[in-house]
Amino acid sequence: MLKSKNLLCSAAAVLLFTVASCGSNKEALLVSDIDNAVAAVSKVLGKTPEFYEINATPTLVNLFASDGHGNAINFVFEKGKLAQETSVAPADGESFSAQGMVFSSNVFHRVHKELPDSILRAFSIIGDNPNGGVQYRVVLQSDRGGQLAVFVDPTGKILGTDVMSGLGT
């Protein structure tokens, strides 16, 4: 009886771990896909592109590459490949090279740990850092719809916050 009770407890623990893991996977941001997405865009363009923004959501990576003429070309990297369609729009701000870009794939974990009831919407790399270089941010949403941008360093250390209006990322 003791063995079957231990087996039942072990099975319950495995099930609980599996369910907990599935829940956290739904909230994970695809930060680890950014390098592959950048490589795919580089291959399409035939060069190392400059970007205005790169963001990783729970389902895809958006890349806004400079066309060299003040426009951003939007590429979508989903399920390991680039979407066939792209769009071009006038760009604002500074562009940056993804070459040599280094950050932790866990860059959003500290923010999520501090605000566990928030919904992770995106991790963004933006060329408009007031101090030069790039700016990293994690966008969170409350269950009531309000959004908060949490600025982090490449390791995920929280640097500051900014309340965002609207529901876009």
Protein backbone atom coordinates (compact mmCIF):
# COMPACT_ATOMS: atom_id res chain seq x y z
CA MET A 1 0.00 0.00 0.00
CA LEU A 2 2.85 2.41 0.82
CA LYS A 3 4.45 1.85 -2.61
CA SER A 4 1.20 2.55 -4.46
CA LYS A 5 0.60 5.64 -2.31
CA ASN A 6 4.13 6.91 -3.12
CA LEU A 7 3.57 6.11 -6.79
CA LEU A 8 0.28 8.02 -6.74
CA CYS A 9 1.98 11.01 -5.05
CA SER A 10 4.80 10.89 -7.61
CA ALA A 11 2.32 10.74 -10.49
CA ALA A 12 0.38 13.66 -9.03
CA ALA A 13 3.62 15.66 -8.68
CA VAL A 14 4.57 14.92 -12.30
CA LEU A 15 1.09 15.94 -13.48
CA LEU A 16 1.22 19.16 -11.45
CA PHE A 17 4.69 19.96 -12.86
CA THR A 18 3.48 19.23 -16.41
CA VAL A 19 0.40 21.45 -16.03
CA ALA A 20 2.50 24.23 -14.46
CA SER A 21 5.04 23.95 -17.27
CA CYS A 22 2.33 24.15 -19.92
CA GLY A 23 0.91 27.27 -18.30
CA SER A 24 4.29 29.01 -18.22
CA ASN A 25 5.00 28.07 -21.86
CA LYS A 26 1.84 29.93 -22.92
CA GLU A 27 3.21 33.07 -21.30
CA ALA A 28 6.79 32.77 -22.54
CA LEU A 29 8.08 35.28 -25.05
CA LEU A 30 9.93 33.95 -28.09
CA VAL A 31 13.16 35.79 -27.23
CA SER A 32 15.23 32.72 -28.14
CA ASP A 33 13.91 32.99 -31.74
CA ILE A 34 15.34 36.50 -32.30
CA ASP A 35 18.76 35.34 -33.55
CA ASN A 36 17.18 32.97 -36.08
CA ALA A 37 14.75 35.67 -37.18
CA VAL A 38 17.58 38.18 -37.71
CA ALA A 39 19.53 35.56 -39.71
CA ALA A 40 16.48 34.88 -41.90
CA VAL A 41 16.01 38.60 -42.63
CA SER A 42 19.74 38.94 -43.37
CA LYS A 43 19.47 36.08 -45.86
CA VAL A 44 16.48 37.64 -47.63
CA LEU A 45 18.12 41.07 -47.82
CA GLY A 46 21.57 39.70 -48.68
CA LYS A 47 23.25 41.78 -45.98
CA THR A 48 23.29 42.44 -42.24
CA PRO A 49 20.33 44.80 -41.88
CA GLU A 50 19.79 47.77 -39.63
CA PHE A 51 16.60 47.55 -37.55
CA TYR A 52 14.28 50.13 -36.02
CA GLU A 53 12.69 47.58 -33.71
CA ILE A 54 12.63 43.86 -33.02
CA ASN A 55 9.98 42.41 -30.75
CA ALA A 56 9.24 38.91 -29.55
CA THR A 57 5.70 38.01 -28.54
CA PRO A 58 4.35 34.69 -27.25
CA THR A 59 3.66 33.59 -30.84
CA LEU A 60 6.10 35.34 -33.22
CA VAL A 61 8.97 37.78 -33.75
CA ASN A 62 8.40 41.07 -35.58
CA LEU A 63 11.39 42.73 -37.20
CA PHE A 64 11.33 46.25 -38.63
CA ALA A 65 14.36 46.54 -40.93
CA SER A 66 15.60 49.78 -42.46
CA ASP A 67 15.43 49.98 -46.25
CA GLY A 68 18.10 52.72 -46.20
CA HIS A 69 15.60 55.33 -47.42
CA GLY A 70 13.71 56.17 -44.22
CA ASN A 71 11.27 53.27 -44.40
CA ALA A 72 10.84 50.17 -42.27
CA ILE A 73 10.24 46.77 -43.84
CA ASN A 74 8.20 44.61 -41.48
CA PHE A 75 9.16 40.93 -41.41
CA VAL A 76 7.25 38.35 -39.37
CA PHE A 77 9.11 35.25 -38.14
CA GLU A 78 6.71 32.56 -36.98
CA LYS A 79 7.13 28.83 -36.36
CA GLY A 80 10.76 28.89 -37.50
CA LYS A 81 10.35 30.76 -40.78
CA LEU A 82 9.63 34.16 -42.29
CA ALA A 83 6.13 34.90 -43.54
CA GLN A 84 5.93 35.42 -47.29
CA GLU A 85 4.35 38.86 -47.08
CA THR A 86 6.03 41.98 -45.77
CA SER A 87 4.91 45.56 -45.50
CA VAL A 88 6.79 48.85 -45.84
CA ALA A 89 5.98 52.05 -43.98
CA PRO A 90 7.75 55.32 -43.19
CA ALA A 91 9.99 54.88 -40.15
CA ASP A 92 10.63 57.07 -37.16
CA GLY A 93 13.63 57.04 -34.85
CA GLU A 94 17.11 55.56 -34.95
CA SER A 95 18.07 52.24 -36.46
CA PHE A 96 20.59 49.79 -35.00
CA SER A 97 22.63 46.83 -36.17
CA ALA A 98 21.74 43.45 -34.74
CA GLN A 99 25.32 42.34 -35.31
CA GLY A 100 26.90 41.70 -31.92
CA MET A 101 23.59 42.16 -30.09
CA VAL A 102 23.78 40.17 -26.85
CA PHE A 103 21.05 39.64 -24.28
CA SER A 104 19.78 36.79 -22.13
CA SER A 105 16.95 34.64 -23.47
CA ASN A 106 15.57 34.93 -19.91
CA VAL A 107 15.60 38.74 -20.09
CA PHE A 108 11.88 38.98 -19.20
CA HIS A 109 11.87 36.50 -16.28
CA ARG A 110 12.73 38.98 -13.51
CA VAL A 111 9.95 41.33 -14.64
CA HIS A 112 7.46 38.45 -14.75
CA LYS A 113 8.60 37.28 -11.32
CA GLU A 114 8.01 40.77 -9.87
CA LEU A 115 4.57 41.08 -11.52
CA PRO A 116 3.37 37.45 -11.84
CA ASP A 117 -0.31 38.30 -12.38
CA SER A 118 0.47 40.41 -15.45
CA ILE A 119 0.27 39.07 -18.99
CA LEU A 120 3.54 39.13 -20.94
CA ARG A 121 2.90 40.83 -24.27
CA ALA A 122 6.33 41.48 -25.80
CA PHE A 123 10.06 41.89 -25.37
CA SER A 124 11.28 44.74 -27.59
CA ILE A 125 14.64 46.02 -28.73
CA ILE A 126 14.35 49.61 -29.92
CA GLY A 127 16.95 51.92 -31.47
CA ASP A 128 15.68 55.00 -29.60
CA ASN A 129 17.71 54.86 -26.40
CA PRO A 130 18.11 58.44 -25.12
CA ASN A 131 21.67 57.54 -24.03
CA GLY A 132 22.58 56.03 -27.41
CA GLY A 133 22.48 52.40 -28.48
CA VAL A 134 19.43 50.21 -28.02
CA GLN A 135 16.72 50.10 -25.42
CA TYR A 136 15.26 46.83 -24.12
CA ARG A 137 11.74 46.69 -22.73
CA VAL A 138 9.23 44.12 -21.56
CA VAL A 139 5.59 45.01 -22.18
CA LEU A 140 3.06 43.70 -19.65
CA GLN A 141 -0.70 43.95 -19.54
CA SER A 142 -2.95 43.77 -16.50
CA ASP A 143 -6.13 41.73 -16.50
CA ARG A 144 -7.98 45.06 -16.84
CA GLY A 145 -6.17 46.01 -20.05
CA GLY A 146 -3.66 48.61 -18.86
CA GLN A 147 -0.12 48.22 -20.17
CA LEU A 148 3.26 48.89 -18.63
CA ALA A 149 6.65 49.04 -20.35
CA VAL A 150 9.44 47.85 -18.08
CA PHE A 151 12.89 48.89 -19.27
CA VAL A 152 15.60 46.30 -18.61
CA ASP A 153 19.28 45.79 -19.31
CA PRO A 154 20.47 42.82 -21.43
CA THR A 155 20.44 40.55 -18.35
CA GLY A 156 16.89 41.46 -17.32
CA LYS A 157 17.78 43.89 -14.52
CA ILE A 158 14.90 46.33 -14.15
CA LEU A 159 15.91 49.92 -14.98
CA GLY A 160 12.57 51.76 -15.00
CA THR A 161 8.97 51.76 -16.15
CA ASP A 162 6.57 53.72 -18.29
CA VAL A 163 2.79 53.43 -18.44
CA MET A 164 1.58 52.79 -21.99
CA SER A 165 -1.74 53.93 -23.39
CA GLY A 166 -3.81 51.70 -25.63
CA LEU A 167 -3.53 47.97 -26.15
CA GLY A 168 -0.84 47.82 -28.86
CA THR A 169 2.69 46.59 -28.26
